[in-house]
Amino acid sequence: MNRGWCTSTWKLPRLAAGAGSHERLVAAWKARFGDRIWAFTRGEAVAGGLFGEVRPAVEGRIGDVMIAARDAVALYDGRRMRPTAMEVVGQHGSLTKAEREVPLLCFTAEGRNRRRG
């Protein structure tokens, strides 16, 4: 079975699959990782609004299959990543509430312009 190749982040890799193997690839990932991931095809992602409105001209840029981490797991393709990449403390990019609802802090800095010299 063609397992595809990974691109993108460690929390939401996008995979390329051979023609007609999208559903088999999704099933293989679900069998391996179970409830620790969401796995879906490009068509399911587009139909579900995952990327908002997708123009037909750019739809082909989306991977054939996407794997989204549900759990404290990061998915690496060791053939393409440096070993130091796995030492990163925080991983992000999935669909969990914690990763979608990142707090935003806004503040203004007040001061006066001073001449130096």
PDB file of N, CA and C in Angstrom:
ATOM      1  N   MET A   1       0.844  -1.192   0.000  1.00  0.00           N
ATOM      2  CA  MET A   1       0.000   0.000   0.000  1.00  0.00           C
ATOM      3  C   MET A   1       0.880   1.242   0.000  1.00  0.00           C
ATOM      4  N   ASN A   2       0.511   2.205  -0.792  1.00  0.00           N
ATOM      5  CA  ASN A   2       1.204   3.479  -0.824  1.00  0.00           C
ATOM      6  C   ASN A   2       0.802   4.278   0.405  1.00  0.00           C
ATOM      7  N   ARG A   3       1.746   4.569   1.276  1.00  0.00           N
ATOM      8  CA  ARG A   3       1.458   5.316   2.497  1.00  0.00           C
ATOM      9  C   ARG A   3       1.634   6.818   2.299  1.00  0.00           C
ATOM     10  N   GLY A   4       2.035   7.220   1.120  1.00  0.00           N
ATOM     11  CA  GLY A   4       2.112   8.644   0.812  1.00  0.00           C
ATOM     12  C   GLY A   4       3.356   9.299   1.376  1.00  0.00           C
ATOM     13  N   TRP A   5       3.403  10.611   1.271  1.00  0.00           N
ATOM     14  CA  TRP A   5       4.503  11.386   1.827  1.00  0.00           C
ATOM     15  C   TRP A   5       3.928  12.525   2.631  1.00  0.00           C
ATOM     16  N   CYS A   6       4.674  12.949   3.627  1.00  0.00           N
ATOM     17  CA  CYS A   6       4.183  13.978   4.558  1.00  0.00           C
ATOM     18  C   CYS A   6       4.658  15.364   4.158  1.00  0.00           C
ATOM     19  N   THR A   7       3.788  16.327   4.373  1.00  0.00           N
ATOM     20  CA  THR A   7       4.148  17.733   4.244  1.00  0.00           C
ATOM     21  C   THR A   7       3.485  18.459   5.396  1.00  0.00           C
ATOM     22  N   SER A   8       3.768  19.712   5.534  1.00  0.00           N
ATOM     23  CA  SER A   8       3.104  20.561   6.502  1.00  0.00           C
ATOM     24  C   SER A   8       3.633  20.362   7.904  1.00  0.00           C
ATOM     25  N   THR A   9       2.782  20.581   8.886  1.00  0.00           N
ATOM     26  CA  THR A   9       3.181  20.529  10.284  1.00  0.00           C
ATOM     27  C   THR A   9       3.163  19.114  10.811  1.00  0.00           C
ATOM     28  N   TRP A  10       3.703  18.937  11.999  1.00  0.00           N
ATOM     29  CA  TRP A  10       3.738  17.625  12.637  1.00  0.00           C
ATOM     30  C   TRP A  10       2.385  17.275  13.220  1.00  0.00           C
ATOM     31  N   LYS A  11       1.524  18.252  13.384  1.00  0.00           N
ATOM     32  CA  LYS A  11       0.212  18.004  13.970  1.00  0.00           C
ATOM     33  C   LYS A  11      -0.875  17.858  12.920  1.00  0.00           C
ATOM     34  N   LEU A  12      -0.620  18.269  11.686  1.00  0.00           N
ATOM     35  CA  LEU A  12      -1.607  18.115  10.614  1.00  0.00           C
ATOM     36  C   LEU A  12      -0.893  17.805   9.304  1.00  0.00           C
ATOM     37  N   PRO A  13      -0.271  16.635   9.220  1.00  0.00           N
ATOM     38  CA  PRO A  13       0.390  16.305   7.954  1.00  0.00           C
ATOM     39  C   PRO A  13      -0.620  16.073   6.842  1.00  0.00           C
ATOM     40  N   ARG A  14      -0.213  16.433   5.634  1.00  0.00           N
ATOM     41  CA  ARG A  14      -1.020  16.192   4.448  1.00  0.00           C
ATOM     42  C   ARG A  14      -0.274  15.162   3.607  1.00  0.00           C
ATOM     43  N   LEU A  15      -0.982  14.153   3.157  1.00  0.00           N
ATOM     44  CA  LEU A  15      -0.367  13.031   2.467  1.00  0.00           C
ATOM     45  C   LEU A  15      -0.806  12.964   1.017  1.00  0.00           C
ATOM     46  N   ALA A  16       0.067  12.473   0.176  1.00  0.00           N
ATOM     47  CA  ALA A  16      -0.265  12.207  -1.221  1.00  0.00           C
ATOM     48  C   ALA A  16      -0.544  10.717  -1.340  1.00  0.00           C
ATOM     49  N   ALA A  17      -1.601  10.366  -2.030  1.00  0.00           N
ATOM     50  CA  ALA A  17      -1.981   8.963  -2.189  1.00  0.00           C
ATOM     51  C   ALA A  17      -2.135   8.656  -3.666  1.00  0.00           C
ATOM     52  N   GLY A  18      -1.920   7.409  -4.027  1.00  0.00           N
ATOM     53  CA  GLY A  18      -2.125   6.995  -5.409  1.00  0.00           C
ATOM     54  C   GLY A  18      -3.603   7.045  -5.760  1.00  0.00           C
ATOM     55  N   ALA A  19      -3.891   7.096  -7.022  1.00  0.00           N
ATOM     56  CA  ALA A  19      -5.281   7.152  -7.488  1.00  0.00           C
ATOM     57  C   ALA A  19      -6.083   5.992  -6.906  1.00  0.00           C
ATOM     58  N   GLY A  20      -7.227   6.314  -6.341  1.00  0.00           N
ATOM     59  CA  GLY A  20      -8.123   5.301  -5.803  1.00  0.00           C
ATOM     60  C   GLY A  20      -7.732   4.736  -4.448  1.00  0.00           C
ATOM     61  N   SER A  21      -6.652   5.252  -3.848  1.00  0.00           N
ATOM     62  CA  SER A  21      -6.222   4.686  -2.562  1.00  0.00           C
ATOM     63  C   SER A  21      -6.478   5.610  -1.378  1.00  0.00           C
ATOM     64  N   HIS A  22      -7.194   6.709  -1.587  1.00  0.00           N
ATOM     65  CA  HIS A  22      -7.431   7.671  -0.508  1.00  0.00           C
ATOM     66  C   HIS A  22      -8.111   7.017   0.689  1.00  0.00           C
ATOM     67  N   GLU A  23      -9.192   6.306   0.452  1.00  0.00           N
ATOM     68  CA  GLU A  23      -9.942   5.702   1.550  1.00  0.00           C
ATOM     69  C   GLU A  23      -9.124   4.617   2.252  1.00  0.00           C
ATOM     70  N   ARG A  24      -8.326   3.867   1.489  1.00  0.00           N
ATOM     71  CA  ARG A  24      -7.468   2.844   2.104  1.00  0.00           C
ATOM     72  C   ARG A  24      -6.405   3.487   2.987  1.00  0.00           C
ATOM     73  N   LEU A  25      -5.863   4.615   2.536  1.00  0.00           N
ATOM     74  CA  LEU A  25      -4.859   5.317   3.330  1.00  0.00           C
ATOM     75  C   LEU A  25      -5.471   5.847   4.622  1.00  0.00           C
ATOM     76  N   VAL A  26      -6.649   6.431   4.546  1.00  0.00           N
ATOM     77  CA  VAL A  26      -7.363   6.903   5.748  1.00  0.00           C
ATOM     78  C   VAL A  26      -7.594   5.730   6.698  1.00  0.00           C
ATOM     79  N   ALA A  27      -8.077   4.606   6.167  1.00  0.00           N
ATOM     80  CA  ALA A  27      -8.361   3.436   7.000  1.00  0.00           C
ATOM     81  C   ALA A  27      -7.093   2.909   7.672  1.00  0.00           C
ATOM     82  N   ALA A  28      -5.966   2.911   6.950  1.00  0.00           N
ATOM     83  CA  ALA A  28      -4.709   2.424   7.521  1.00  0.00           C
ATOM     84  C   ALA A  28      -4.251   3.299   8.682  1.00  0.00           C
ATOM     85  N   TRP A  29      -4.355   4.611   8.533  1.00  0.00           N
ATOM     86  CA  TRP A  29      -3.966   5.519   9.618  1.00  0.00           C
ATOM     87  C   TRP A  29      -4.905   5.371  10.811  1.00  0.00           C
ATOM     88  N   LYS A  30      -6.196   5.251  10.564  1.00  0.00           N
ATOM     89  CA  LYS A  30      -7.154   5.060  11.668  1.00  0.00           C
ATOM     90  C   LYS A  30      -6.895   3.744  12.385  1.00  0.00           C
ATOM     91  N   ALA A  31      -6.557   2.696  11.635  1.00  0.00           N
ATOM     92  CA  ALA A  31      -6.261   1.406  12.255  1.00  0.00           C
ATOM     93  C   ALA A  31      -5.007   1.501  13.129  1.00  0.00           C
ATOM     94  N   ARG A  32      -4.023   2.252  12.696  1.00  0.00           N
ATOM     95  CA  ARG A  32      -2.761   2.373  13.443  1.00  0.00           C
ATOM     96  C   ARG A  32      -2.890   3.271  14.664  1.00  0.00           C
ATOM     97  N   PHE A  33      -3.581   4.416  14.534  1.00  0.00           N
ATOM     98  CA  PHE A  33      -3.602   5.403  15.613  1.00  0.00           C
ATOM     99  C   PHE A  33      -4.936   5.514  16.338  1.00  0.00           C
ATOM    100  N   GLY A  34      -5.993   4.919  15.822  1.00  0.00           N
ATOM    101  CA  GLY A  34      -7.292   4.917  16.490  1.00  0.00           C
ATOM    102  C   GLY A  34      -7.800   6.307  16.828  1.00  0.00           C
ATOM    103  N   ASP A  35      -8.216   6.493  18.075  1.00  0.00           N
ATOM    104  CA  ASP A  35      -8.796   7.761  18.528  1.00  0.00           C
ATOM    105  C   ASP A  35      -7.767   8.863  18.760  1.00  0.00           C
ATOM    106  N   ARG A  36      -6.507   8.583  18.521  1.00  0.00           N
ATOM    107  CA  ARG A  36      -5.477   9.599  18.732  1.00  0.00           C
ATOM    108  C   ARG A  36      -5.394  10.582  17.571  1.00  0.00           C
ATOM    109  N   ILE A  37      -6.090  10.279  16.459  1.00  0.00           N
ATOM    110  CA  ILE A  37      -6.051  11.156  15.275  1.00  0.00           C
ATOM    111  C   ILE A  37      -7.436  11.288  14.661  1.00  0.00           C
ATOM    112  N   TRP A  38      -7.569  12.303  13.823  1.00  0.00           N
ATOM    113  CA  TRP A  38      -8.657  12.403  12.850  1.00  0.00           C
ATOM    114  C   TRP A  38      -7.982  12.164  11.501  1.00  0.00           C
ATOM    115  N   ALA A  39      -8.586  11.393  10.639  1.00  0.00           N
ATOM    116  CA  ALA A  39      -8.035  11.169   9.299  1.00  0.00           C
ATOM    117  C   ALA A  39      -9.166  11.389   8.301  1.00  0.00           C
ATOM    118  N   PHE A  40      -8.902  12.171   7.258  1.00  0.00           N
ATOM    119  CA  PHE A  40      -9.945  12.484   6.287  1.00  0.00           C
ATOM    120  C   PHE A  40      -9.330  12.801   4.940  1.00  0.00           C
ATOM    121  N   THR A  41     -10.134  12.624   3.914  1.00  0.00           N
ATOM    122  CA  THR A  41      -9.690  12.913   2.550  1.00  0.00           C
ATOM    123  C   THR A  41      -9.833  14.406   2.253  1.00  0.00           C
ATOM    124  N   ARG A  42      -9.230  14.823   1.152  1.00  0.00           N
ATOM    125  CA  ARG A  42      -9.357  16.218   0.709  1.00  0.00           C
ATOM    126  C   ARG A  42     -10.831  16.570   0.524  1.00  0.00           C
ATOM    127  N   GLY A  43     -11.577  15.682  -0.133  1.00  0.00           N
ATOM    128  CA  GLY A  43     -12.993  15.945  -0.363  1.00  0.00           C
ATOM    129  C   GLY A  43     -13.763  16.144   0.928  1.00  0.00           C
ATOM    130  N   GLU A  44     -13.476  15.328   1.927  1.00  0.00           N
ATOM    131  CA  GLU A  44     -14.150  15.477   3.225  1.00  0.00           C
ATOM    132  C   GLU A  44     -13.762  16.787   3.901  1.00  0.00           C
ATOM    133  N   ALA A  45     -12.486  17.160   3.807  1.00  0.00           N
ATOM    134  CA  ALA A  45     -12.027  18.409   4.418  1.00  0.00           C
ATOM    135  C   ALA A  45     -12.669  19.619   3.752  1.00  0.00           C
ATOM    136  N   VAL A  46     -12.719  19.613   2.427  1.00  0.00           N
ATOM    137  CA  VAL A  46     -13.310  20.738   1.693  1.00  0.00           C
ATOM    138  C   VAL A  46     -14.811  20.796   1.968  1.00  0.00           C
ATOM    139  N   ALA A  47     -15.491  19.661   1.898  1.00  0.00           N
ATOM    140  CA  ALA A  47     -16.940  19.629   2.147  1.00  0.00           C
ATOM    141  C   ALA A  47     -17.272  20.053   3.570  1.00  0.00           C
ATOM    142  N   GLY A  48     -16.383  19.741   4.511  1.00  0.00           N
ATOM    143  CA  GLY A  48     -16.604  20.100   5.912  1.00  0.00           C
ATOM    144  C   GLY A  48     -16.188  21.517   6.259  1.00  0.00           C
ATOM    145  N   GLY A  49     -15.646  22.252   5.297  1.00  0.00           N
ATOM    146  CA  GLY A  49     -15.271  23.642   5.530  1.00  0.00           C
ATOM    147  C   GLY A  49     -13.978  23.822   6.302  1.00  0.00           C
ATOM    148  N   LEU A  50     -13.138  22.810   6.362  1.00  0.00           N
ATOM    149  CA  LEU A  50     -11.904  22.894   7.135  1.00  0.00           C
ATOM    150  C   LEU A  50     -11.009  24.039   6.678  1.00  0.00           C
ATOM    151  N   PHE A  51     -11.007  24.337   5.388  1.00  0.00           N
ATOM    152  CA  PHE A  51     -10.167  25.393   4.837  1.00  0.00           C
ATOM    153  C   PHE A  51     -10.979  26.608   4.403  1.00  0.00           C
ATOM    154  N   GLY A  52     -12.216  26.708   4.871  1.00  0.00           N
ATOM    155  CA  GLY A  52     -13.077  27.785   4.409  1.00  0.00           C
ATOM    156  C   GLY A  52     -13.498  27.508   2.981  1.00  0.00           C
ATOM    157  N   GLU A  53     -13.795  28.566   2.252  1.00  0.00           N
ATOM    158  CA  GLU A  53     -14.170  28.397   0.846  1.00  0.00           C
ATOM    159  C   GLU A  53     -12.910  28.113   0.032  1.00  0.00           C
ATOM    160  N   VAL A  54     -12.930  27.040  -0.728  1.00  0.00           N
ATOM    161  CA  VAL A  54     -11.765  26.643  -1.524  1.00  0.00           C
ATOM    162  C   VAL A  54     -12.110  26.776  -3.000  1.00  0.00           C
ATOM    163  N   ARG A  55     -11.349  27.607  -3.697  1.00  0.00           N
ATOM    164  CA  ARG A  55     -11.551  27.762  -5.142  1.00  0.00           C
ATOM    165  C   ARG A  55     -11.051  26.519  -5.858  1.00  0.00           C
ATOM    166  N   PRO A  56     -11.769  26.084  -6.886  1.00  0.00           N
ATOM    167  CA  PRO A  56     -11.338  24.898  -7.636  1.00  0.00           C
ATOM    168  C   PRO A  56      -9.892  24.991  -8.135  1.00  0.00           C
ATOM    169  N   ALA A  57      -9.444  26.188  -8.468  1.00  0.00           N
ATOM    170  CA  ALA A  57      -8.090  26.359  -8.991  1.00  0.00           C
ATOM    171  C   ALA A  57      -7.006  26.017  -7.973  1.00  0.00           C
ATOM    172  N   VAL A  58      -7.321  26.078  -6.684  1.00  0.00           N
ATOM    173  CA  VAL A  58      -6.311  25.799  -5.655  1.00  0.00           C
ATOM    174  C   VAL A  58      -6.581  24.502  -4.890  1.00  0.00           C
ATOM    175  N   GLU A  59      -7.710  23.867  -5.141  1.00  0.00           N
ATOM    176  CA  GLU A  59      -8.058  22.660  -4.395  1.00  0.00           C
ATOM    177  C   GLU A  59      -6.992  21.576  -4.516  1.00  0.00           C
ATOM    178  N   GLY A  60      -6.353  21.472  -5.663  1.00  0.00           N
ATOM    179  CA  GLY A  60      -5.319  20.465  -5.877  1.00  0.00           C
ATOM    180  C   GLY A  60      -4.079  20.655  -5.022  1.00  0.00           C
ATOM    181  N   ARG A  61      -3.913  21.810  -4.419  1.00  0.00           N
ATOM    182  CA  ARG A  61      -2.759  22.060  -3.545  1.00  0.00           C
ATOM    183  C   ARG A  61      -2.932  21.420  -2.175  1.00  0.00           C
ATOM    184  N   ILE A  62      -4.153  21.066  -1.853  1.00  0.00           N
ATOM    185  CA  ILE A  62      -4.432  20.401  -0.577  1.00  0.00           C
ATOM    186  C   ILE A  62      -4.063  18.932  -0.739  1.00  0.00           C
ATOM    187  N   GLY A  63      -3.461  18.338   0.265  1.00  0.00           N
ATOM    188  CA  GLY A  63      -3.078  16.936   0.187  1.00  0.00           C
ATOM    189  C   GLY A  63      -4.280  16.030  -0.056  1.00  0.00           C
ATOM    190  N   ASP A  64      -4.017  14.836  -0.537  1.00  0.00           N
ATOM    191  CA  ASP A  64      -5.094  13.871  -0.783  1.00  0.00           C
ATOM    192  C   ASP A  64      -5.747  13.428   0.517  1.00  0.00           C
ATOM    193  N   VAL A  65      -4.937  13.282   1.561  1.00  0.00           N
ATOM    194  CA  VAL A  65      -5.399  12.822   2.873  1.00  0.00           C
ATOM    195  C   VAL A  65      -4.750  13.702   3.925  1.00  0.00           C
ATOM    196  N   MET A  66      -5.505  14.060   4.960  1.00  0.00           N
ATOM    197  CA  MET A  66      -4.976  14.816   6.087  1.00  0.00           C
ATOM    198  C   MET A  66      -5.109  13.996   7.356  1.00  0.00           C
ATOM    199  N   ILE A  67      -4.101  14.101   8.208  1.00  0.00           N
ATOM    200  CA  ILE A  67      -4.098  13.434   9.498  1.00  0.00           C
ATOM    201  C   ILE A  67      -3.971  14.535  10.542  1.00  0.00           C
ATOM    202  N   ALA A  68      -4.936  14.649  11.445  1.00  0.00           N
ATOM    203  CA  ALA A  68      -4.905  15.676  12.488  1.00  0.00           C
ATOM    204  C   ALA A  68      -4.776  14.996  13.849  1.00  0.00           C
ATOM    205  N   ALA A  69      -3.797  15.430  14.611  1.00  0.00           N
ATOM    206  CA  ALA A  69      -3.562  14.858  15.939  1.00  0.00           C
ATOM    207  C   ALA A  69      -4.655  15.295  16.905  1.00  0.00           C
ATOM    208  N   ARG A  70      -5.284  14.337  17.577  1.00  0.00           N
ATOM    209  CA  ARG A  70      -6.275  14.616  18.619  1.00  0.00           C
ATOM    210  C   ARG A  70      -5.636  14.609  19.991  1.00  0.00           C
ATOM    211  N   ASP A  71      -4.564  13.907  20.104  1.00  0.00           N
ATOM    212  CA  ASP A  71      -3.932  13.599  21.374  1.00  0.00           C
ATOM    213  C   ASP A  71      -2.569  14.283  21.428  1.00  0.00           C
ATOM    214  N   ALA A  72      -1.862  14.055  22.510  1.00  0.00           N
ATOM    215  CA  ALA A  72      -0.508  14.595  22.647  1.00  0.00           C
ATOM    216  C   ALA A  72       0.448  13.757  21.804  1.00  0.00           C
ATOM    217  N   VAL A  73       0.319  13.904  20.498  1.00  0.00           N
ATOM    218  CA  VAL A  73       1.137  13.151  19.561  1.00  0.00           C
ATOM    219  C   VAL A  73       1.552  14.081  18.430  1.00  0.00           C
ATOM    220  N   ALA A  74       2.769  13.908  17.958  1.00  0.00           N
ATOM    221  CA  ALA A  74       3.243  14.630  16.789  1.00  0.00           C
ATOM    222  C   ALA A  74       3.721  13.577  15.797  1.00  0.00           C
ATOM    223  N   LEU A  75       3.434  13.773  14.548  1.00  0.00           N
ATOM    224  CA  LEU A  75       3.711  12.779  13.519  1.00  0.00           C
ATOM    225  C   LEU A  75       4.866  13.261  12.651  1.00  0.00           C
ATOM    226  N   TYR A  76       5.976  12.559  12.689  1.00  0.00           N
ATOM    227  CA  TYR A  76       7.168  12.944  11.951  1.00  0.00           C
ATOM    228  C   TYR A  76       7.467  11.955  10.845  1.00  0.00           C
ATOM    229  N   ASP A  77       7.964  12.443   9.735  1.00  0.00           N
ATOM    230  CA  ASP A  77       8.505  11.605   8.683  1.00  0.00           C
ATOM    231  C   ASP A  77      10.022  11.686   8.839  1.00  0.00           C
ATOM    232  N   GLY A  78      10.582  10.670   9.466  1.00  0.00           N
ATOM    233  CA  GLY A  78      12.000  10.668   9.773  1.00  0.00           C
ATOM    234  C   GLY A  78      12.895  10.748   8.553  1.00  0.00           C
ATOM    235  N   ARG A  79      12.362  10.448   7.382  1.00  0.00           N
ATOM    236  CA  ARG A  79      13.147  10.560   6.156  1.00  0.00           C
ATOM    237  C   ARG A  79      13.342  12.012   5.758  1.00  0.00           C
ATOM    238  N   ARG A  80      12.471  12.894   6.217  1.00  0.00           N
ATOM    239  CA  ARG A  80      12.497  14.290   5.781  1.00  0.00           C
ATOM    240  C   ARG A  80      12.837  15.281   6.885  1.00  0.00           C
ATOM    241  N   MET A  81      12.812  14.848   8.130  1.00  0.00           N
ATOM    242  CA  MET A  81      13.026  15.754   9.259  1.00  0.00           C
ATOM    243  C   MET A  81      14.385  15.507   9.889  1.00  0.00           C
ATOM    244  N   ARG A  82      14.986  16.555  10.379  1.00  0.00           N
ATOM    245  CA  ARG A  82      16.207  16.393  11.155  1.00  0.00           C
ATOM    246  C   ARG A  82      15.833  15.818  12.518  1.00  0.00           C
ATOM    247  N   PRO A  83      16.670  15.021  13.119  1.00  0.00           N
ATOM    248  CA  PRO A  83      16.366  14.484  14.456  1.00  0.00           C
ATOM    249  C   PRO A  83      16.097  15.583  15.487  1.00  0.00           C
ATOM    250  N   THR A  84      16.722  16.757  15.328  1.00  0.00           N
ATOM    251  CA  THR A  84      16.505  17.843  16.285  1.00  0.00           C
ATOM    252  C   THR A  84      15.078  18.381  16.240  1.00  0.00           C
ATOM    253  N   ALA A  85      14.363  18.155  15.139  1.00  0.00           N
ATOM    254  CA  ALA A  85      12.976  18.625  15.051  1.00  0.00           C
ATOM    255  C   ALA A  85      12.115  17.967  16.119  1.00  0.00           C
ATOM    256  N   MET A  86      12.458  16.758  16.505  1.00  0.00           N
ATOM    257  CA  MET A  86      11.670  16.040  17.502  1.00  0.00           C
ATOM    258  C   MET A  86      11.926  16.536  18.918  1.00  0.00           C
ATOM    259  N   GLU A  87      12.870  17.450  19.085  1.00  0.00           N
ATOM    260  CA  GLU A  87      13.162  18.017  20.398  1.00  0.00           C
ATOM    261  C   GLU A  87      12.346  19.267  20.688  1.00  0.00           C
ATOM    262  N   VAL A  88      11.551  19.716  19.727  1.00  0.00           N
ATOM    263  CA  VAL A  88      10.741  20.919  19.900  1.00  0.00           C
ATOM    264  C   VAL A  88       9.755  20.684  21.042  1.00  0.00           C
ATOM    265  N   VAL A  89       9.684  21.616  21.974  1.00  0.00           N
ATOM    266  CA  VAL A  89       8.850  21.457  23.158  1.00  0.00           C
ATOM    267  C   VAL A  89       7.371  21.511  22.821  1.00  0.00           C
ATOM    268  N   GLY A  90       6.943  22.456  22.020  1.00  0.00           N
ATOM    269  CA  GLY A  90       5.523  22.615  21.713  1.00  0.00           C
ATOM    270  C   GLY A  90       5.222  22.279  20.271  1.00  0.00           C
ATOM    271  N   GLN A  91       4.138  21.604  20.049  1.00  0.00           N
ATOM    272  CA  GLN A  91       3.674  21.277  18.706  1.00  0.00           C
ATOM    273  C   GLN A  91       2.305  21.935  18.532  1.00  0.00           C
ATOM    274  N   HIS A  92       1.994  22.372  17.348  1.00  0.00           N
ATOM    275  CA  HIS A  92       0.703  23.001  17.112  1.00  0.00           C
ATOM    276  C   HIS A  92       0.267  22.741  15.688  1.00  0.00           C
ATOM    277  N   GLY A  93      -0.973  23.096  15.390  1.00  0.00           N
ATOM    278  CA  GLY A  93      -1.444  22.999  14.021  1.00  0.00           C
ATOM    279  C   GLY A  93      -2.593  22.037  13.820  1.00  0.00           C
ATOM    280  N   SER A  94      -3.112  21.446  14.878  1.00  0.00           N
ATOM    281  CA  SER A  94      -4.200  20.497  14.717  1.00  0.00           C
ATOM    282  C   SER A  94      -5.549  21.186  14.904  1.00  0.00           C
ATOM    283  N   LEU A  95      -6.566  20.402  15.174  1.00  0.00           N
ATOM    284  CA  LEU A  95      -7.937  20.909  15.258  1.00  0.00           C
ATOM    285  C   LEU A  95      -8.495  20.909  16.670  1.00  0.00           C
ATOM    286  N   THR A  96      -7.684  20.588  17.660  1.00  0.00           N
ATOM    287  CA  THR A  96      -8.187  20.546  19.034  1.00  0.00           C
ATOM    288  C   THR A  96      -8.554  21.949  19.498  1.00  0.00           C
ATOM    289  N   LYS A  97      -9.419  22.032  20.476  1.00  0.00           N
ATOM    290  CA  LYS A  97      -9.850  23.330  21.003  1.00  0.00           C
ATOM    291  C   LYS A  97      -8.645  24.142  21.493  1.00  0.00           C
ATOM    292  N   ALA A  98      -7.733  23.484  22.198  1.00  0.00           N
ATOM    293  CA  ALA A  98      -6.560  24.184  22.729  1.00  0.00           C
ATOM    294  C   ALA A  98      -5.700  24.783  21.616  1.00  0.00           C
ATOM    295  N   GLU A  99      -5.678  24.143  20.462  1.00  0.00           N
ATOM    296  CA  GLU A  99      -4.847  24.647  19.373  1.00  0.00           C
ATOM    297  C   GLU A  99      -5.567  25.673  18.507  1.00  0.00           C
ATOM    298  N   ARG A 100      -6.884  25.669  18.530  1.00  0.00           N
ATOM    299  CA  ARG A 100      -7.651  26.643  17.752  1.00  0.00           C
ATOM    300  C   ARG A 100      -7.932  27.909  18.530  1.00  0.00           C
ATOM    301  N   GLU A 101      -7.975  27.813  19.845  1.00  0.00           N
ATOM    302  CA  GLU A 101      -8.315  28.968  20.672  1.00  0.00           C
ATOM    303  C   GLU A 101      -7.092  29.462  21.426  1.00  0.00           C
ATOM    304  N   VAL A 102      -6.162  30.005  20.677  1.00  0.00           N
ATOM    305  CA  VAL A 102      -4.937  30.538  21.253  1.00  0.00           C
ATOM    306  C   VAL A 102      -5.230  31.946  21.760  1.00  0.00           C
ATOM    307  N   PRO A 103      -4.911  32.211  23.025  1.00  0.00           N
ATOM    308  CA  PRO A 103      -5.200  33.555  23.551  1.00  0.00           C
ATOM    309  C   PRO A 103      -4.355  34.619  22.851  1.00  0.00           C
ATOM    310  N   LEU A 104      -4.952  35.756  22.682  1.00  0.00           N
ATOM    311  CA  LEU A 104      -4.272  36.874  22.051  1.00  0.00           C
ATOM    312  C   LEU A 104      -4.190  38.011  23.064  1.00  0.00           C
ATOM    313  N   LEU A 105      -3.009  38.447  23.342  1.00  0.00           N
ATOM    314  CA  LEU A 105      -2.809  39.561  24.261  1.00  0.00           C
ATOM    315  C   LEU A 105      -2.471  40.800  23.448  1.00  0.00           C
ATOM    316  N   CYS A 106      -3.187  41.885  23.717  1.00  0.00           N
ATOM    317  CA  CYS A 106      -2.924  43.142  23.022  1.00  0.00           C
ATOM    318  C   CYS A 106      -2.605  44.208  24.053  1.00  0.00           C
ATOM    319  N   PHE A 107      -1.640  45.001  23.784  1.00  0.00           N
ATOM    320  CA  PHE A 107      -1.321  46.108  24.667  1.00  0.00           C
ATOM    321  C   PHE A 107      -0.661  47.202  23.849  1.00  0.00           C
ATOM    322  N   THR A 108      -0.671  48.373  24.413  1.00  0.00           N
ATOM    323  CA  THR A 108       0.025  49.483  23.777  1.00  0.00           C
ATOM    324  C   THR A 108       1.160  49.905  24.691  1.00  0.00           C
ATOM    325  N   ALA A 109       2.193  50.351  24.109  1.00  0.00           N
ATOM    326  CA  ALA A 109       3.329  50.858  24.872  1.00  0.00           C
ATOM    327  C   ALA A 109       3.323  52.371  24.732  1.00  0.00           C
ATOM    328  N   GLU A 110       3.286  53.007  25.851  1.00  0.00           N
ATOM    329  CA  GLU A 110       3.292  54.462  25.822  1.00  0.00           C
ATOM    330  C   GLU A 110       4.667  54.958  26.214  1.00  0.00           C
ATOM    331  N   GLY A 111       5.072  55.987  25.605  1.00  0.00           N
ATOM    332  CA  GLY A 111       6.373  56.569  25.898  1.00  0.00           C
ATOM    333  C   GLY A 111       6.500  57.874  25.147  1.00  0.00           C
ATOM    334  N   ARG A 112       7.548  58.533  25.395  1.00  0.00           N
ATOM    335  CA  ARG A 112       7.751  59.774  24.666  1.00  0.00           C
ATOM    336  C   ARG A 112       8.993  59.662  23.819  1.00  0.00           C
ATOM    337  N   ASN A 113       8.977  60.382  22.775  1.00  0.00           N
ATOM    338  CA  ASN A 113      10.132  60.402  21.908  1.00  0.00           C
ATOM    339  C   ASN A 113      11.222  61.234  22.553  1.00  0.00           C
ATOM    340  N   ARG A 114      12.382  60.683  22.632  1.00  0.00           N
ATOM    341  CA  ARG A 114      13.499  61.426  23.192  1.00  0.00           C
ATOM    342  C   ARG A 114      14.624  61.482  22.174  1.00  0.00           C
ATOM    343  N   ARG A 115      15.292  62.584  22.195  1.00  0.00           N
ATOM    344  CA  ARG A 115      16.477  62.720  21.337  1.00  0.00           C
ATOM    345  C   ARG A 115      17.658  62.138  22.064  1.00  0.00           C
ATOM    346  N   ARG A 116      18.427  61.424  21.345  1.00  0.00           N
ATOM    347  CA  ARG A 116      19.653  60.873  21.928  1.00  0.00           C
ATOM    348  C   ARG A 116      20.811  61.775  21.536  1.00  0.00           C
ATOM    349  N   GLY A 117      21.772  61.832  22.430  1.00  0.00           N
ATOM    350  CA  GLY A 117      22.993  62.543  22.075  1.00  0.00           C
ATOM    351  C   GLY A 117      23.103  63.804  22.722  1.00  0.00           C
TER     352      GLY A 117
END
